[in-house]
Structures are given as C-alpha cells and as structure tokens.
C-alpha atoms as a PDB file:
ATOM      1  CA  MET A   1     -13.757 131.829  24.253  1.00  0.00           C
ATOM      2  CA  THR A   2     -15.556 129.403  22.063  1.00  0.00           C
ATOM      3  CA  ILE A   3     -14.271 126.295  20.418  1.00  0.00           C
ATOM      4  CA  ASP A   4     -15.428 127.350  16.992  1.00  0.00           C
ATOM      5  CA  ARG A   5     -13.781 130.768  16.939  1.00  0.00           C
ATOM      6  CA  ASN A   6     -11.421 131.407  14.047  1.00  0.00           C
ATOM      7  CA  THR A   7      -7.800 131.358  15.189  1.00  0.00           C
ATOM      8  CA  VAL A   8      -4.342 130.408  14.000  1.00  0.00           C
ATOM      9  CA  ILE A   9      -1.104 130.076  15.919  1.00  0.00           C
ATOM     10  CA  ILE A  10       1.971 131.175  14.072  1.00  0.00           C
ATOM     11  CA  ALA A  11       5.532 131.441  15.320  1.00  0.00           C
ATOM     12  CA  ASN A  12       7.170 134.852  15.527  1.00  0.00           C
ATOM     13  CA  ASN A  13       9.905 133.599  13.212  1.00  0.00           C
ATOM     14  CA  ALA A  14       7.533 131.952  10.695  1.00  0.00           C
ATOM     15  CA  GLN A  15       8.383 132.273   7.020  1.00  0.00           C
ATOM     16  CA  ARG A  16       6.282 134.659   4.937  1.00  0.00           C
ATOM     17  CA  THR A  17       4.795 131.690   3.076  1.00  0.00           C
ATOM     18  CA  SER A  18       3.601 130.197   6.372  1.00  0.00           C
ATOM     19  CA  ARG A  19       2.051 133.518   7.338  1.00  0.00           C
ATOM     20  CA  ALA A  20       0.274 133.721   3.965  1.00  0.00           C
ATOM     21  CA  VAL A  21      -1.190 130.237   4.375  1.00  0.00           C
ATOM     22  CA  ALA A  22      -2.329 131.070   7.905  1.00  0.00           C
ATOM     23  CA  GLU A  23      -4.193 134.113   6.616  1.00  0.00           C
ATOM     24  CA  GLN A  24      -5.834 132.015   3.895  1.00  0.00           C
ATOM     25  CA  VAL A  25      -7.115 129.326   6.283  1.00  0.00           C
ATOM     26  CA  LEU A  26      -8.175 131.680   9.088  1.00  0.00           C
ATOM     27  CA  PRO A  27     -11.843 131.872   7.985  1.00  0.00           C
ATOM     28  CA  LYS A  28     -12.112 128.055   8.133  1.00  0.00           C
ATOM     29  CA  THR A  29     -10.318 127.426  11.412  1.00  0.00           C
ATOM     30  CA  GLY A  30     -13.383 127.646  13.655  1.00  0.00           C
ATOM     31  CA  THR A  31     -15.041 124.727  11.881  1.00  0.00           C
ATOM     32  CA  LEU A  32     -11.805 122.752  12.000  1.00  0.00           C
ATOM     33  CA  ARG A  33     -11.318 123.472  15.712  1.00  0.00           C
ATOM     34  CA  ARG A  34     -14.845 122.191  16.379  1.00  0.00           C
ATOM     35  CA  GLN A  35     -14.185 119.031  14.339  1.00  0.00           C
ATOM     36  CA  VAL A  36     -10.896 118.313  16.129  1.00  0.00           C
ATOM     37  CA  TYR A  37     -12.337 119.018  19.592  1.00  0.00           C
ATOM     38  CA  GLU A  38     -15.331 116.734  18.949  1.00  0.00           C
ATOM     39  CA  TYR A  39     -12.982 113.934  17.879  1.00  0.00           C
ATOM     40  CA  PHE A  40     -11.010 114.211  21.135  1.00  0.00           C
ATOM     41  CA  PHE A  41     -14.265 114.491  23.106  1.00  0.00           C
ATOM     42  CA  ARG A  42     -15.542 111.242  21.544  1.00  0.00           C
ATOM     43  CA  ARG A  43     -12.262 109.506  22.462  1.00  0.00           C
ATOM     44  CA  GLY A  44     -13.066 110.115  26.132  1.00  0.00           C
ATOM     45  CA  LEU A  45     -10.555 108.912  28.709  1.00  0.00           C
ATOM     46  CA  ASN A  46      -8.574 107.028  26.052  1.00  0.00           C
ATOM     47  CA  GLY A  47      -7.558 110.314  24.436  1.00  0.00           C
ATOM     48  CA  SER A  48      -5.600 110.501  21.212  1.00  0.00           C
ATOM     49  CA  THR A  49      -2.208 111.372  19.818  1.00  0.00           C
ATOM     50  CA  ASP A  50      -1.882 113.915  17.031  1.00  0.00           C
ATOM     51  CA  GLU A  51      -1.114 111.134  14.556  1.00  0.00           C
ATOM     52  CA  GLU A  52      -4.197 109.140  15.565  1.00  0.00           C
ATOM     53  CA  ALA A  53      -6.344 112.257  15.150  1.00  0.00           C
ATOM     54  CA  GLN A  54      -4.754 113.054  11.787  1.00  0.00           C
ATOM     55  CA  GLU A  55      -5.588 109.592  10.496  1.00  0.00           C
ATOM     56  CA  ALA A  56      -9.118 109.527  11.915  1.00  0.00           C
ATOM     57  CA  LEU A  57      -9.998 112.968  10.565  1.00  0.00           C
ATOM     58  CA  ASN A  58      -7.908 112.804   7.376  1.00  0.00           C
ATOM     59  CA  ILE A  59      -6.127 116.041   8.316  1.00  0.00           C
ATOM     60  CA  ASP A  60      -2.511 116.849   7.478  1.00  0.00           C
ATOM     61  CA  GLY A  61      -0.105 117.083  10.416  1.00  0.00           C
ATOM     62  CA  ASN A  62       0.726 120.691   9.540  1.00  0.00           C
ATOM     63  CA  THR A  63      -2.943 121.478  10.101  1.00  0.00           C
ATOM     64  CA  MET A  64      -3.599 119.138  13.039  1.00  0.00           C
ATOM     65  CA  ARG A  65      -0.769 120.255  15.303  1.00  0.00           C
ATOM     66  CA  PRO A  66      -1.547 123.999  15.269  1.00  0.00           C
ATOM     67  CA  THR A  67      -5.275 123.306  15.585  1.00  0.00           C
ATOM     68  CA  ARG A  68      -4.710 121.029  18.568  1.00  0.00           C
ATOM     69  CA  GLY A  69      -2.274 123.586  19.956  1.00  0.00           C
ATOM     70  CA  SER A  70      -4.893 126.325  19.836  1.00  0.00           C
ATOM     71  CA  LEU A  71      -7.335 124.049  21.686  1.00  0.00           C
ATOM     72  CA  VAL A  72      -4.695 123.325  24.337  1.00  0.00           C
ATOM     73  CA  LYS A  73      -3.931 127.034  24.700  1.00  0.00           C
ATOM     74  CA  ASP A  74      -7.633 127.772  25.185  1.00  0.00           C
ATOM     75  CA  GLY A  75      -8.017 124.964  27.769  1.00  0.00           C
ATOM     76  CA  TYR A  76     -10.162 122.583  25.694  1.00  0.00           C
ATOM     77  CA  LEU A  77      -7.509 119.835  25.508  1.00  0.00           C
ATOM     78  CA  ILE A  78      -4.876 118.725  28.001  1.00  0.00           C
ATOM     79  CA  ASP A  79      -1.759 116.592  28.031  1.00  0.00           C
ATOM     80  CA  THR A  80      -2.747 113.398  29.870  1.00  0.00           C
ATOM     81  CA  GLY A  81       0.814 112.774  31.026  1.00  0.00           C
ATOM     82  CA  THR A  82       0.857 109.525  29.064  1.00  0.00           C
ATOM     83  CA  THR A  83       2.269 108.601  25.670  1.00  0.00           C
ATOM     84  CA  ARG A  84       1.624 106.076  22.922  1.00  0.00           C
ATOM     85  CA  LYS A  85       3.926 104.988  20.134  1.00  0.00           C
ATOM     86  CA  ASN A  86       3.287 106.251  16.634  1.00  0.00           C
ATOM     87  CA  ALA A  87       3.803 104.329  13.382  1.00  0.00           C
ATOM     88  CA  LYS A  88       7.562 104.994  13.552  1.00  0.00           C
ATOM     89  CA  GLY A  89       7.772 103.744  17.139  1.00  0.00           C
ATOM     90  CA  HIS A  90       8.247 107.186  18.711  1.00  0.00           C
ATOM     91  CA  GLU A  91       6.473 108.075  21.935  1.00  0.00           C
ATOM     92  CA  CYS A  92       3.767 110.718  21.389  1.00  0.00           C
ATOM     93  CA  ILE A  93       1.725 112.739  23.859  1.00  0.00           C
ATOM     94  CA  VAL A  94      -1.827 111.548  24.431  1.00  0.00           C
ATOM     95  CA  TRP A  95      -4.255 114.495  24.567  1.00  0.00           C
ATOM     96  CA  ARG A  96      -7.708 114.487  26.166  1.00  0.00           C
ATOM     97  CA  ALA A  97     -10.685 116.819  25.952  1.00  0.00           C
ATOM     98  CA  THR A  98     -11.811 118.805  28.973  1.00  0.00           C
ATOM     99  CA  GLU A  99     -15.173 120.240  29.846  1.00  0.00           C
ATOM    100  CA  GLY A 100     -14.644 123.259  32.040  1.00  0.00           C
ATOM    101  CA  ASP A 101     -12.553 122.073  34.975  1.00  0.00           C
ATOM    102  CA  MET A 102     -13.676 118.474  34.556  1.00  0.00           C
ATOM    103  CA  LEU A 103     -11.744 115.890  32.582  1.00  0.00           C
ATOM    104  CA  LEU A 104     -13.793 113.696  30.295  1.00  0.00           C
END
C-alpha cells in the first residue's frame, strides 16, 4: 500500500450519481490522499478534525471525509480518542498520522 495510490470508498447503497462522481475523481485521488496525509503529518501530536483539515486544505467535506477514511482504512491515520468542537459546537474526532506502528 502506498499513500498516493488511487482509491475511492463508496457505500454499497450509494446513488448512481455518487458512483459516477467517484469514477470521475478516481484518477486524482492518489494526489489528494498524499496532500491530506501530509497535512495530518505536519499537525503532529495535535492532530486535526475533518473540519480543520477541510478549511486548511480548502477541500469540500464530501471529498475530505472519504479521503481521510481511506487513509484510516489503510492505517495511515488513527482516531486519537480525543475530540474538539467544530464551528457549530459539536464534538468531532481528532485524527493523527501514523508512521508504521509509531504514532507521530
């Protein structure tokens, strides 16, 4: 597995329009995965919520969440077990980059 491999995660019950969009963005997902991973890596032990990453990278939530999800699935990001409030005051998971078995 490499961070910059092209991948998309799509639900089994996804609408056909969602599937079509996923197929369209697939060739670009490796670059996006690398960009998202490097952001979390730079955040170090402080980690980041999805919303913080979206704002920092100027990426839509509908792109950020599946990209982060693919990095979690592949073991590049982990749930820190902590949360931070988002702009609406809701608690959000703080994610952190990993390097092999070692937390950054």
